[in-house]
Amino acid sequence: MVPQYSGLSRYIDYASNLRISPFLKFAMIKTTLAFAAAAALAPAGAIAGPYANVEANSGFSGSSYAGTVTDVHLGYEGNIGESASWYAQGGAGIITINNGPTETVPTGKVGLGVNASENLNLYGELSFAGGVDGAETSYGTKVGVKYSF
Protein backbone atom coordinates (compact mmCIF):
# COMPACT_ATOMS: atom_id res chain seq x y z
CA MET A 1 0.00 0.00 0.00
CA VAL A 2 1.30 3.47 -0.89
CA PRO A 3 1.40 5.82 2.14
CA GLN A 4 -0.82 8.90 1.86
CA TYR A 5 1.17 12.02 2.70
CA SER A 6 -1.15 14.86 1.63
CA GLY A 7 -1.42 17.59 -0.95
CA LEU A 8 0.29 16.47 -4.14
CA SER A 9 0.21 12.70 -3.55
CA ARG A 10 -3.28 12.21 -4.94
CA TYR A 11 -2.48 14.37 -7.99
CA ILE A 12 0.09 11.85 -9.08
CA ASP A 13 -2.08 8.82 -8.23
CA TYR A 14 -5.24 9.91 -10.04
CA ALA A 15 -4.33 8.02 -13.19
CA SER A 16 -4.38 4.30 -12.48
CA ASN A 17 -1.59 3.65 -14.99
CA LEU A 18 0.81 6.17 -13.41
CA ARG A 19 2.53 5.52 -10.09
CA ILE A 20 5.19 7.68 -8.48
CA SER A 21 7.28 6.53 -5.55
CA PRO A 22 6.19 7.60 -2.05
CA PHE A 23 9.58 9.34 -1.63
CA LEU A 24 8.98 11.52 -4.71
CA LYS A 25 5.48 12.39 -3.53
CA PHE A 26 6.83 13.39 -0.13
CA ALA A 27 9.57 15.50 -1.76
CA MET A 28 7.02 17.32 -3.95
CA ILE A 29 4.79 18.04 -0.97
CA LYS A 30 7.72 19.20 1.12
CA THR A 31 8.78 21.64 -1.62
CA THR A 32 5.27 23.04 -1.85
CA LEU A 33 5.03 23.63 1.87
CA ALA A 34 8.59 24.98 2.23
CA PHE A 35 7.73 28.20 0.39
CA ALA A 36 4.77 28.88 2.65
CA ALA A 37 6.87 28.24 5.75
CA ALA A 38 9.51 30.63 4.45
CA ALA A 39 6.82 33.26 4.01
CA ALA A 40 5.69 32.70 7.60
CA LEU A 41 9.27 33.07 8.84
CA ALA A 42 10.02 36.24 6.88
CA PRO A 43 9.84 39.40 8.94
CA ALA A 44 6.51 40.99 8.20
CA GLY A 45 7.30 44.45 9.59
CA ALA A 46 4.28 46.70 9.81
CA ILE A 47 2.90 45.69 6.41
CA ALA A 48 -0.27 43.62 6.32
CA GLY A 49 -2.83 43.05 3.64
CA PRO A 50 -3.72 41.25 0.45
CA TYR A 51 -1.21 39.57 -1.85
CA ALA A 52 -0.98 37.28 -4.88
CA ASN A 53 1.18 34.15 -4.89
CA VAL A 54 1.94 32.02 -7.96
CA GLU A 55 4.10 28.99 -7.23
CA ALA A 56 5.15 26.05 -9.41
CA ASN A 57 6.44 22.80 -7.87
CA SER A 58 7.86 20.13 -10.17
CA GLY A 59 8.75 16.54 -9.32
CA PHE A 60 11.49 14.32 -10.71
CA SER A 61 12.48 10.72 -10.19
CA GLY A 62 16.18 10.66 -10.98
CA SER A 63 16.33 12.60 -14.24
CA SER A 64 12.76 11.70 -15.27
CA TYR A 65 10.23 14.53 -15.07
CA ALA A 66 6.97 13.48 -13.33
CA GLY A 67 4.82 16.59 -13.36
CA THR A 68 4.15 20.09 -12.03
CA VAL A 69 1.56 21.62 -9.74
CA THR A 70 1.13 25.38 -10.15
CA ASP A 71 -0.78 27.17 -7.39
CA VAL A 72 -2.41 30.48 -8.30
CA HIS A 73 -3.51 32.01 -5.01
CA LEU A 74 -4.85 35.21 -3.54
CA GLY A 75 -4.17 35.73 0.13
CA TYR A 76 -4.14 38.01 3.10
CA GLU A 77 -1.48 38.35 5.76
CA GLY A 78 -1.23 40.24 8.99
CA ASN A 79 0.54 40.67 12.29
CA ILE A 80 -0.52 39.49 15.71
CA GLY A 81 1.09 41.95 18.08
CA GLU A 82 4.80 42.58 17.58
CA SER A 83 6.07 39.00 17.60
CA ALA A 84 3.72 36.95 15.43
CA SER A 85 2.29 36.92 11.92
CA TRP A 86 -0.34 34.91 10.05
CA TYR A 87 -1.45 34.33 6.48
CA ALA A 88 -4.27 32.65 4.58
CA GLN A 89 -4.34 32.02 0.85
CA GLY A 90 -6.39 30.04 -1.61
CA GLY A 91 -7.15 29.56 -5.27
CA ALA A 92 -6.51 27.03 -7.99
CA GLY A 93 -3.94 24.26 -8.26
CA ILE A 94 -3.16 23.43 -11.89
CA ILE A 95 -1.82 19.89 -12.16
CA THR A 96 0.22 18.94 -15.20
CA ILE A 97 1.38 15.32 -15.31
CA ASN A 98 4.17 14.41 -17.73
CA ASN A 99 2.54 13.41 -21.03
CA GLY A 100 -0.87 13.47 -19.38
CA PRO A 101 -3.90 15.70 -19.00
CA THR A 102 -4.03 18.96 -17.06
CA GLU A 103 -6.45 19.18 -14.13
CA THR A 104 -7.45 22.11 -11.92
CA VAL A 105 -8.43 21.69 -8.26
CA PRO A 106 -9.03 24.08 -5.35
CA THR A 107 -6.01 24.54 -3.06
CA GLY A 108 -5.14 26.71 -0.08
CA LYS A 109 -3.16 27.12 3.11
CA VAL A 110 -3.09 29.03 6.37
CA GLY A 111 -0.04 29.62 8.52
CA LEU A 112 1.27 31.22 11.67
CA GLY A 113 4.77 32.32 12.71
CA VAL A 114 5.77 33.33 16.24
CA ASN A 115 9.08 34.87 17.28
CA ALA A 116 9.81 33.15 20.59
CA SER A 117 13.00 35.21 20.94
CA GLU A 118 15.22 37.40 18.77
CA ASN A 119 16.80 34.30 17.21
CA LEU A 120 14.07 31.66 17.51
CA ASN A 121 10.95 31.42 15.33
CA LEU A 122 8.20 28.80 15.63
CA TYR A 123 5.90 28.22 12.65
CA GLY A 124 3.06 26.06 11.45
CA GLU A 125 0.86 25.58 8.42
CA LEU A 126 -2.29 23.71 7.41
CA SER A 127 -2.89 23.12 3.68
CA PHE A 128 -5.53 21.42 1.57
CA ALA A 129 -6.00 20.36 -2.03
CA GLY A 130 -9.24 19.22 -3.68
CA GLY A 131 -9.44 15.78 -5.22
CA VAL A 132 -8.97 15.00 -8.90
CA ASP A 133 -11.80 13.05 -10.56
CA GLY A 134 -13.86 12.85 -7.37
CA ALA A 135 -11.00 11.80 -5.08
CA GLU A 136 -11.14 12.96 -1.48
CA THR A 137 -9.70 16.30 -0.43
CA SER A 138 -6.27 15.88 1.12
CA TYR A 139 -4.71 17.88 3.92
CA GLY A 140 -1.16 18.61 4.96
CA THR A 141 0.45 20.03 8.06
CA LYS A 142 3.83 21.53 8.74
CA VAL A 143 5.42 22.67 11.99
CA GLY A 144 8.95 23.79 12.57
CA VAL A 145 11.50 25.75 14.48
CA LYS A 146 14.04 28.11 12.94
CA TYR A 147 17.08 29.38 14.80
CA SER A 148 18.99 32.29 13.25
CA PHE A 149 22.67 32.79 14.14
C-alpha atoms as a PDB file:
ATOM      1  CA  MET A   1       0.000   0.000   0.000  1.00  0.00           C
ATOM      2  CA  VAL A   2       1.299   3.473  -0.889  1.00  0.00           C
ATOM      3  CA  PRO A   3       1.401   5.821   2.136  1.00  0.00           C
ATOM      4  CA  GLN A   4      -0.815   8.899   1.864  1.00  0.00           C
ATOM      5  CA  TYR A   5       1.170  12.022   2.696  1.00  0.00           C
ATOM      6  CA  SER A   6      -1.152  14.861   1.634  1.00  0.00           C
ATOM      7  CA  GLY A   7      -1.419  17.590  -0.953  1.00  0.00           C
ATOM      8  CA  LEU A   8       0.293  16.470  -4.136  1.00  0.00           C
ATOM      9  CA  SER A   9       0.205  12.703  -3.555  1.00  0.00           C
ATOM     10  CA  ARG A  10      -3.284  12.213  -4.943  1.00  0.00           C
ATOM     11  CA  TYR A  11      -2.480  14.369  -7.985  1.00  0.00           C
ATOM     12  CA  ILE A  12       0.092  11.854  -9.076  1.00  0.00           C
ATOM     13  CA  ASP A  13      -2.078   8.817  -8.230  1.00  0.00           C
ATOM     14  CA  TYR A  14      -5.240   9.912 -10.041  1.00  0.00           C
ATOM     15  CA  ALA A  15      -4.327   8.020 -13.190  1.00  0.00           C
ATOM     16  CA  SER A  16      -4.382   4.304 -12.479  1.00  0.00           C
ATOM     17  CA  ASN A  17      -1.586   3.650 -14.987  1.00  0.00           C
ATOM     18  CA  LEU A  18       0.807   6.170 -13.413  1.00  0.00           C
ATOM     19  CA  ARG A  19       2.530   5.518 -10.092  1.00  0.00           C
ATOM     20  CA  ILE A  20       5.186   7.677  -8.479  1.00  0.00           C
ATOM     21  CA  SER A  21       7.280   6.529  -5.546  1.00  0.00           C
ATOM     22  CA  PRO A  22       6.193   7.603  -2.046  1.00  0.00           C
ATOM     23  CA  PHE A  23       9.578   9.340  -1.632  1.00  0.00           C
ATOM     24  CA  LEU A  24       8.983  11.522  -4.706  1.00  0.00           C
ATOM     25  CA  LYS A  25       5.485  12.387  -3.529  1.00  0.00           C
ATOM     26  CA  PHE A  26       6.835  13.393  -0.135  1.00  0.00           C
ATOM     27  CA  ALA A  27       9.568  15.503  -1.765  1.00  0.00           C
ATOM     28  CA  MET A  28       7.024  17.315  -3.954  1.00  0.00           C
ATOM     29  CA  ILE A  29       4.788  18.041  -0.972  1.00  0.00           C
ATOM     30  CA  LYS A  30       7.722  19.200   1.119  1.00  0.00           C
ATOM     31  CA  THR A  31       8.781  21.636  -1.616  1.00  0.00           C
ATOM     32  CA  THR A  32       5.266  23.043  -1.852  1.00  0.00           C
ATOM     33  CA  LEU A  33       5.026  23.633   1.869  1.00  0.00           C
ATOM     34  CA  ALA A  34       8.591  24.984   2.229  1.00  0.00           C
ATOM     35  CA  PHE A  35       7.732  28.197   0.395  1.00  0.00           C
ATOM     36  CA  ALA A  36       4.773  28.880   2.654  1.00  0.00           C
ATOM     37  CA  ALA A  37       6.867  28.236   5.748  1.00  0.00           C
ATOM     38  CA  ALA A  38       9.514  30.634   4.452  1.00  0.00           C
ATOM     39  CA  ALA A  39       6.820  33.260   4.014  1.00  0.00           C
ATOM     40  CA  ALA A  40       5.693  32.701   7.600  1.00  0.00           C
ATOM     41  CA  LEU A  41       9.272  33.072   8.836  1.00  0.00           C
ATOM     42  CA  ALA A  42      10.021  36.239   6.883  1.00  0.00           C
ATOM     43  CA  PRO A  43       9.844  39.403   8.936  1.00  0.00           C
ATOM     44  CA  ALA A  44       6.508  40.994   8.201  1.00  0.00           C
ATOM     45  CA  GLY A  45       7.295  44.447   9.588  1.00  0.00           C
ATOM     46  CA  ALA A  46       4.280  46.705   9.811  1.00  0.00           C
ATOM     47  CA  ILE A  47       2.900  45.694   6.411  1.00  0.00           C
ATOM     48  CA  ALA A  48      -0.265  43.625   6.317  1.00  0.00           C
ATOM     49  CA  GLY A  49      -2.832  43.052   3.644  1.00  0.00           C
ATOM     50  CA  PRO A  50      -3.715  41.248   0.451  1.00  0.00           C
ATOM     51  CA  TYR A  51      -1.214  39.570  -1.852  1.00  0.00           C
ATOM     52  CA  ALA A  52      -0.985  37.276  -4.875  1.00  0.00           C
ATOM     53  CA  ASN A  53       1.181  34.146  -4.893  1.00  0.00           C
ATOM     54  CA  VAL A  54       1.940  32.021  -7.956  1.00  0.00           C
ATOM     55  CA  GLU A  55       4.099  28.992  -7.232  1.00  0.00           C
ATOM     56  CA  ALA A  56       5.151  26.047  -9.406  1.00  0.00           C
ATOM     57  CA  ASN A  57       6.439  22.801  -7.873  1.00  0.00           C
ATOM     58  CA  SER A  58       7.864  20.128 -10.173  1.00  0.00           C
ATOM     59  CA  GLY A  59       8.746  16.541  -9.324  1.00  0.00           C
ATOM     60  CA  PHE A  60      11.490  14.322 -10.709  1.00  0.00           C
ATOM     61  CA  SER A  61      12.485  10.718 -10.188  1.00  0.00           C
ATOM     62  CA  GLY A  62      16.180  10.660 -10.982  1.00  0.00           C
ATOM     63  CA  SER A  63      16.330  12.600 -14.242  1.00  0.00           C
ATOM     64  CA  SER A  64      12.755  11.704 -15.272  1.00  0.00           C
ATOM     65  CA  TYR A  65      10.228  14.530 -15.072  1.00  0.00           C
ATOM     66  CA  ALA A  66       6.975  13.479 -13.335  1.00  0.00           C
ATOM     67  CA  GLY A  67       4.819  16.588 -13.361  1.00  0.00           C
ATOM     68  CA  THR A  68       4.153  20.085 -12.030  1.00  0.00           C
ATOM     69  CA  VAL A  69       1.556  21.617  -9.741  1.00  0.00           C
ATOM     70  CA  THR A  70       1.127  25.380 -10.148  1.00  0.00           C
ATOM     71  CA  ASP A  71      -0.780  27.166  -7.385  1.00  0.00           C
ATOM     72  CA  VAL A  72      -2.406  30.478  -8.303  1.00  0.00           C
ATOM     73  CA  HIS A  73      -3.506  32.011  -5.007  1.00  0.00           C
ATOM     74  CA  LEU A  74      -4.850  35.213  -3.536  1.00  0.00           C
ATOM     75  CA  GLY A  75      -4.168  35.726   0.125  1.00  0.00           C
ATOM     76  CA  TYR A  76      -4.137  38.012   3.097  1.00  0.00           C
ATOM     77  CA  GLU A  77      -1.476  38.353   5.764  1.00  0.00           C
ATOM     78  CA  GLY A  78      -1.232  40.243   8.991  1.00  0.00           C
ATOM     79  CA  ASN A  79       0.536  40.671  12.286  1.00  0.00           C
ATOM     80  CA  ILE A  80      -0.515  39.489  15.708  1.00  0.00           C
ATOM     81  CA  GLY A  81       1.085  41.949  18.083  1.00  0.00           C
ATOM     82  CA  GLU A  82       4.803  42.582  17.583  1.00  0.00           C
ATOM     83  CA  SER A  83       6.073  39.004  17.600  1.00  0.00           C
ATOM     84  CA  ALA A  84       3.717  36.948  15.433  1.00  0.00           C
ATOM     85  CA  SER A  85       2.287  36.919  11.921  1.00  0.00           C
ATOM     86  CA  TRP A  86      -0.341  34.914  10.050  1.00  0.00           C
ATOM     87  CA  TYR A  87      -1.448  34.330   6.476  1.00  0.00           C
ATOM     88  CA  ALA A  88      -4.272  32.648   4.582  1.00  0.00           C
ATOM     89  CA  GLN A  89      -4.341  32.017   0.846  1.00  0.00           C
ATOM     90  CA  GLY A  90      -6.385  30.039  -1.614  1.00  0.00           C
ATOM     91  CA  GLY A  91      -7.145  29.556  -5.270  1.00  0.00           C
ATOM     92  CA  ALA A  92      -6.509  27.029  -7.993  1.00  0.00           C
ATOM     93  CA  GLY A  93      -3.944  24.261  -8.259  1.00  0.00           C
ATOM     94  CA  ILE A  94      -3.164  23.431 -11.891  1.00  0.00           C
ATOM     95  CA  ILE A  95      -1.822  19.890 -12.159  1.00  0.00           C
ATOM     96  CA  THR A  96       0.224  18.938 -15.204  1.00  0.00           C
ATOM     97  CA  ILE A  97       1.378  15.323 -15.311  1.00  0.00           C
ATOM     98  CA  ASN A  98       4.172  14.412 -17.731  1.00  0.00           C
ATOM     99  CA  ASN A  99       2.536  13.407 -21.033  1.00  0.00           C
ATOM    100  CA  GLY A 100      -0.869  13.474 -19.385  1.00  0.00           C
ATOM    101  CA  PRO A 101      -3.905  15.700 -19.003  1.00  0.00           C
ATOM    102  CA  THR A 102      -4.025  18.956 -17.062  1.00  0.00           C
ATOM    103  CA  GLU A 103      -6.454  19.176 -14.134  1.00  0.00           C
ATOM    104  CA  THR A 104      -7.453  22.111 -11.917  1.00  0.00           C
ATOM    105  CA  VAL A 105      -8.432  21.692  -8.262  1.00  0.00           C
ATOM    106  CA  PRO A 106      -9.033  24.084  -5.352  1.00  0.00           C
ATOM    107  CA  THR A 107      -6.008  24.545  -3.062  1.00  0.00           C
ATOM    108  CA  GLY A 108      -5.144  26.714  -0.076  1.00  0.00           C
ATOM    109  CA  LYS A 109      -3.165  27.119   3.106  1.00  0.00           C
ATOM    110  CA  VAL A 110      -3.086  29.026   6.375  1.00  0.00           C
ATOM    111  CA  GLY A 111      -0.043  29.620   8.522  1.00  0.00           C
ATOM    112  CA  LEU A 112       1.272  31.218  11.670  1.00  0.00           C
ATOM    113  CA  GLY A 113       4.773  32.319  12.709  1.00  0.00           C
ATOM    114  CA  VAL A 114       5.771  33.333  16.236  1.00  0.00           C
ATOM    115  CA  ASN A 115       9.081  34.865  17.279  1.00  0.00           C
ATOM    116  CA  ALA A 116       9.812  33.153  20.586  1.00  0.00           C
ATOM    117  CA  SER A 117      12.998  35.212  20.937  1.00  0.00           C
ATOM    118  CA  GLU A 118      15.217  37.396  18.768  1.00  0.00           C
ATOM    119  CA  ASN A 119      16.798  34.296  17.210  1.00  0.00           C
ATOM    120  CA  LEU A 120      14.066  31.658  17.514  1.00  0.00           C
ATOM    121  CA  ASN A 121      10.949  31.423  15.329  1.00  0.00           C
ATOM    122  CA  LEU A 122       8.200  28.798  15.631  1.00  0.00           C
ATOM    123  CA  TYR A 123       5.897  28.218  12.651  1.00  0.00           C
ATOM    124  CA  GLY A 124       3.059  26.058  11.452  1.00  0.00           C
ATOM    125  CA  GLU A 125       0.856  25.578   8.418  1.00  0.00           C
ATOM    126  CA  LEU A 126      -2.291  23.708   7.409  1.00  0.00           C
ATOM    127  CA  SER A 127      -2.890  23.121   3.681  1.00  0.00           C
ATOM    128  CA  PHE A 128      -5.532  21.423   1.568  1.00  0.00           C
ATOM    129  CA  ALA A 129      -6.003  20.360  -2.032  1.00  0.00           C
ATOM    130  CA  GLY A 130      -9.236  19.218  -3.677  1.00  0.00           C
ATOM    131  CA  GLY A 131      -9.445  15.785  -5.218  1.00  0.00           C
ATOM    132  CA  VAL A 132      -8.971  14.997  -8.900  1.00  0.00           C
ATOM    133  CA  ASP A 133     -11.797  13.046 -10.558  1.00  0.00           C
ATOM    134  CA  GLY A 134     -13.858  12.851  -7.371  1.00  0.00           C
ATOM    135  CA  ALA A 135     -10.997  11.804  -5.082  1.00  0.00           C
ATOM    136  CA  GLU A 136     -11.139  12.957  -1.480  1.00  0.00           C
ATOM    137  CA  THR A 137      -9.701  16.299  -0.435  1.00  0.00           C
ATOM    138  CA  SER A 138      -6.267  15.877   1.122  1.00  0.00           C
ATOM    139  CA  TYR A 139      -4.710  17.880   3.924  1.00  0.00           C
ATOM    140  CA  GLY A 140      -1.155  18.606   4.958  1.00  0.00           C
ATOM    141  CA  THR A 141       0.448  20.030   8.062  1.00  0.00           C
ATOM    142  CA  LYS A 142       3.828  21.525   8.742  1.00  0.00           C
ATOM    143  CA  VAL A 143       5.418  22.666  11.989  1.00  0.00           C
ATOM    144  CA  GLY A 144       8.946  23.785  12.569  1.00  0.00           C
ATOM    145  CA  VAL A 145      11.504  25.746  14.485  1.00  0.00           C
ATOM    146  CA  LYS A 146      14.041  28.111  12.936  1.00  0.00           C
ATOM    147  CA  TYR A 147      17.082  29.379  14.801  1.00  0.00           C
ATOM    148  CA  SER A 148      18.988  32.290  13.252  1.00  0.00           C
ATOM    149  CA  PHE A 149      22.666  32.785  14.139  1.00  0.00           C
END
